[in-house]
Amino acid sequence: MSVEPIDGKYSCSLEVFLGDVKVWNSGHYSPFFTSERCVLELTKQGDLQLKGEKERVGWRTGTSGQGVERWFFRWFCGRGEVEMRELYGVSSVLRAAPTKLNISKVACAKFCLQNCKCVAALYSSEELRECHLYGVVMGVKQVERGTRWSYMVKVQKGSYVGHENSGLKKWVLAMVGLIDSLVILLVFGGFAYYLIRKRRKNTATTADNTT
């Protein structure tokens, strides 16, 4: 969460980082300003909201009623307060991640738990027994059950049990879809900007040569 003073008020926003690069900001298209406070709150209905004074909502995830009940911060890592939960019917298209070979699924989950930069792990039960560790949840897709890949995410211990995994799965897929779309938009936006800038530069050069 980012809070910045601007002209006697505060700009309040939620930011998403891909490593050290900021890829999304909730206030990019519609900035939220508050004069007294900025609160990030998860409602009982499962909607994550940025709120200001007098309960004014400046941004929300729109996940009310989708089974989201809790959220956690990275500082839970290393205190025995997190666990790995497998999302059945989910895999990742990303393979270029730190990889360990010839280990068990239990060991793969343990490696992610012990690494505070790891938020998800993908394990293959085939011959090489690959374990991919991810610092961000991206590239997730739904697959048929019974595939060779097992996708696990790090959550606060006791947050999800039994059927509640379906709510966690919906939340992960929704957030990953949002982040993936934003990354794609940024890539295409940057490419379009490059083409427009290059075209303008060529036009200006042609005009100078003509004169």
Protein backbone atom coordinates (compact mmCIF):
# COMPACT_ATOMS: atom_id res chain seq x y z
CA MET A 1 0.00 0.00 0.00
CA SER A 2 1.30 3.45 -0.95
CA VAL A 3 0.42 6.73 0.79
CA GLU A 4 1.88 9.98 -0.59
CA PRO A 5 1.21 13.60 0.56
CA ILE A 6 -0.10 15.81 -2.27
CA ASP A 7 -1.35 19.41 -1.80
CA GLY A 8 -2.46 18.97 1.80
CA LYS A 9 -4.10 15.60 1.12
CA TYR A 10 -2.89 12.02 0.75
CA SER A 11 -2.86 9.88 -2.37
CA CYS A 12 -3.81 6.36 -1.28
CA SER A 13 -3.27 3.36 -3.56
CA LEU A 14 -2.50 -0.36 -3.69
CA GLU A 15 0.53 -1.39 -5.75
CA VAL A 16 1.58 -4.69 -7.34
CA PHE A 17 5.27 -5.41 -7.96
CA LEU A 18 6.90 -7.95 -10.27
CA GLY A 19 10.21 -8.33 -8.45
CA ASP A 20 11.40 -4.75 -8.02
CA VAL A 21 9.27 -3.42 -10.90
CA LYS A 22 5.87 -1.87 -10.21
CA VAL A 23 3.43 -3.33 -12.75
CA TRP A 24 0.12 -2.02 -11.43
CA ASN A 25 -1.31 0.75 -9.27
CA SER A 26 -4.96 0.99 -8.21
CA GLY A 27 -4.85 4.77 -8.62
CA HIS A 28 -3.47 4.80 -12.16
CA TYR A 29 -6.75 5.71 -13.86
CA SER A 30 -8.70 7.01 -10.88
CA PRO A 31 -6.54 8.43 -8.04
CA PHE A 32 -7.97 8.19 -4.53
CA PHE A 33 -7.33 11.16 -2.22
CA THR A 34 -8.03 11.28 1.50
CA SER A 35 -7.41 13.94 4.14
CA GLU A 36 -7.46 11.90 7.36
CA ARG A 37 -6.66 8.22 6.93
CA CYS A 38 -5.98 5.42 4.46
CA VAL A 39 -7.07 1.90 5.43
CA LEU A 40 -6.77 -1.41 3.58
CA GLU A 41 -9.63 -3.62 4.78
CA LEU A 42 -10.91 -7.08 3.89
CA THR A 43 -14.67 -7.15 4.49
CA LYS A 44 -16.59 -10.13 5.89
CA GLN A 45 -17.96 -10.69 2.38
CA GLY A 46 -14.43 -11.11 0.98
CA ASP A 47 -14.00 -7.72 -0.74
CA LEU A 48 -10.60 -6.04 -0.34
CA GLN A 49 -11.10 -2.26 -0.10
CA LEU A 50 -9.07 0.93 0.19
CA LYS A 51 -11.01 3.27 2.46
CA GLY A 52 -10.69 6.84 3.62
CA GLU A 53 -12.52 9.01 6.11
CA LYS A 54 -16.21 8.31 6.81
CA GLU A 55 -15.84 4.78 5.36
CA ARG A 56 -15.45 6.23 1.84
CA VAL A 57 -14.26 3.49 -0.55
CA GLY A 58 -11.66 4.56 -3.09
CA TRP A 59 -10.92 1.15 -4.64
CA ARG A 60 -12.11 -2.45 -4.28
CA THR A 61 -11.31 -5.87 -5.74
CA GLY A 62 -14.95 -6.75 -6.37
CA THR A 63 -14.48 -10.25 -4.90
CA SER A 64 -17.44 -10.11 -2.52
CA GLY A 65 -19.11 -13.51 -2.11
CA GLN A 66 -16.30 -15.46 -3.85
CA GLY A 67 -14.97 -17.25 -0.78
CA VAL A 68 -12.10 -14.90 0.08
CA GLU A 69 -11.81 -14.78 3.86
CA ARG A 70 -8.25 -13.80 4.79
CA TRP A 71 -5.09 -12.23 3.44
CA PHE A 72 -1.54 -12.19 4.75
CA PHE A 73 1.68 -10.18 4.54
CA ARG A 74 5.16 -11.42 3.65
CA TRP A 75 6.38 -10.85 7.21
CA PHE A 76 4.56 -14.00 8.34
CA CYS A 77 7.34 -15.86 6.56
CA GLY A 78 9.82 -17.67 8.77
CA ARG A 79 7.60 -17.71 11.86
CA GLY A 80 5.83 -20.98 11.28
CA GLU A 81 2.62 -19.10 10.47
CA VAL A 82 2.37 -20.09 6.82
CA GLU A 83 1.73 -23.33 4.96
CA MET A 84 1.59 -24.58 1.37
CA ARG A 85 -1.83 -25.39 -0.08
CA GLU A 86 -2.20 -27.34 -3.32
CA LEU A 87 -4.70 -25.98 -5.84
CA TYR A 88 -6.18 -28.94 -7.71
CA GLY A 89 -6.87 -28.42 -11.41
CA VAL A 90 -4.38 -25.53 -11.59
CA SER A 91 -0.95 -25.30 -13.22
CA SER A 92 1.44 -22.62 -14.49
CA VAL A 93 2.68 -21.95 -18.01
CA LEU A 94 5.90 -20.45 -16.61
CA ARG A 95 8.93 -22.72 -16.41
CA ALA A 96 11.81 -20.19 -16.31
CA ALA A 97 12.02 -20.14 -12.52
CA PRO A 98 14.56 -21.40 -9.96
CA THR A 99 14.38 -25.18 -10.31
CA LYS A 100 15.39 -28.10 -8.11
CA LEU A 101 15.53 -31.65 -9.46
CA ASN A 102 15.06 -35.12 -8.03
CA ILE A 103 13.18 -34.10 -4.89
CA SER A 104 9.79 -35.05 -3.45
CA LYS A 105 6.68 -32.88 -3.43
CA VAL A 106 7.01 -32.49 0.34
CA ALA A 107 10.59 -31.25 -0.06
CA CYS A 108 9.49 -28.87 -2.82
CA ALA A 109 6.85 -27.34 -0.54
CA LYS A 110 9.41 -27.10 2.28
CA PHE A 111 11.88 -25.23 0.04
CA CYS A 112 9.21 -22.63 -0.74
CA LEU A 113 8.21 -22.31 2.91
CA GLN A 114 11.81 -21.66 3.92
CA ASN A 115 12.32 -19.08 1.17
CA CYS A 116 10.64 -15.78 2.11
CA LYS A 117 10.77 -14.65 -1.53
CA CYS A 118 8.80 -17.71 -2.68
CA VAL A 119 5.01 -17.42 -2.85
CA ALA A 120 4.19 -20.44 -5.04
CA ALA A 121 5.71 -23.71 -6.25
CA LEU A 122 5.08 -26.02 -9.20
CA TYR A 123 6.04 -29.69 -8.86
CA SER A 124 6.29 -32.39 -11.51
CA SER A 125 5.98 -36.04 -10.48
CA GLU A 126 7.62 -37.32 -13.69
CA GLU A 127 11.11 -38.79 -13.98
CA LEU A 128 13.07 -35.58 -13.25
CA ARG A 129 10.79 -34.64 -10.32
CA GLU A 130 11.12 -30.91 -11.01
CA CYS A 131 10.36 -28.22 -8.43
CA HIS A 132 9.88 -24.65 -9.71
CA LEU A 133 9.80 -21.80 -7.17
CA TYR A 134 8.05 -18.49 -7.94
CA GLY A 135 8.38 -15.08 -6.32
CA VAL A 136 5.08 -13.94 -7.85
CA VAL A 137 1.88 -15.79 -8.80
CA MET A 138 1.64 -15.41 -12.58
CA GLY A 139 0.86 -17.50 -15.65
CA VAL A 140 -1.63 -19.70 -13.81
CA LYS A 141 -4.17 -21.67 -15.84
CA GLN A 142 -6.87 -24.25 -15.17
CA VAL A 143 -6.09 -27.82 -16.26
CA GLU A 144 -7.74 -31.22 -16.09
CA ARG A 145 -7.25 -33.10 -12.82
CA GLY A 146 -4.77 -35.96 -12.88
CA THR A 147 -2.03 -34.05 -14.72
CA ARG A 148 1.62 -34.55 -13.74
CA TRP A 149 1.93 -31.04 -12.31
CA SER A 150 1.03 -29.94 -8.77
CA TYR A 151 0.63 -26.20 -8.09
CA MET A 152 1.01 -24.95 -4.50
CA VAL A 153 0.64 -21.46 -3.03
CA LYS A 154 1.81 -20.07 0.32
CA VAL A 155 -1.03 -18.97 2.63
CA GLN A 156 -1.46 -18.12 6.29
CA LYS A 157 -1.70 -21.31 8.33
CA GLY A 158 -5.29 -22.39 8.96
CA SER A 159 -6.72 -19.94 6.43
CA TYR A 160 -8.21 -22.58 4.13
CA VAL A 161 -9.44 -26.09 4.92
CA GLY A 162 -11.42 -28.61 2.92
CA HIS A 163 -13.92 -27.03 0.51
CA GLU A 164 -12.49 -23.58 1.19
CA ASN A 165 -9.69 -24.44 -1.25
CA SER A 166 -12.17 -23.69 -4.05
CA GLY A 167 -12.46 -20.12 -2.77
CA LEU A 168 -8.68 -19.81 -2.67
CA LYS A 169 -8.47 -21.19 -6.20
CA LYS A 170 -11.00 -18.62 -7.48
CA TRP A 171 -9.11 -15.80 -5.74
CA VAL A 172 -5.74 -16.87 -7.19
CA LEU A 173 -7.13 -17.25 -10.72
CA ALA A 174 -8.89 -13.87 -10.51
CA MET A 175 -5.81 -12.00 -9.22
CA VAL A 176 -3.46 -13.75 -11.67
CA GLY A 177 -5.78 -12.92 -14.55
CA LEU A 178 -5.69 -9.27 -13.50
CA ILE A 179 -1.89 -9.15 -13.13
CA ASP A 180 -1.26 -11.07 -16.39
CA SER A 181 -3.59 -8.69 -18.27
CA LEU A 182 -1.79 -5.68 -16.84
CA VAL A 183 1.63 -7.05 -17.78
CA ILE A 184 0.43 -7.77 -21.34
CA LEU A 185 -1.08 -4.28 -21.55
CA LEU A 186 2.21 -2.74 -20.38
CA VAL A 187 4.23 -4.74 -22.91
CA PHE A 188 1.99 -3.84 -25.85
CA GLY A 189 1.69 -0.26 -24.62
CA GLY A 190 5.48 0.06 -24.48
CA PHE A 191 5.83 -1.47 -27.95
CA ALA A 192 3.20 0.90 -29.38
CA TYR A 193 4.94 3.87 -27.75
CA TYR A 194 8.25 2.77 -29.28
CA LEU A 195 6.72 2.51 -32.78
CA ILE A 196 5.00 5.91 -32.50
CA ARG A 197 8.19 7.56 -31.21
CA LYS A 198 10.28 5.96 -33.94
CA ARG A 199 7.78 7.04 -36.62
CA ARG A 200 7.76 10.63 -35.37
CA LYS A 201 11.56 10.67 -35.32
CA ASN A 202 11.73 9.39 -38.90
CA THR A 203 9.14 11.94 -40.00
CA ALA A 204 11.10 14.77 -38.36
CA THR A 205 14.34 13.56 -40.02
CA THR A 206 12.66 13.43 -43.44
CA ALA A 207 11.26 16.94 -42.96
CA ASP A 208 14.71 18.28 -42.02
CA ASN A 209 16.31 16.68 -45.08
CA THR A 210 13.61 18.15 -47.33
CA THR A 211 14.15 21.68 -46.03
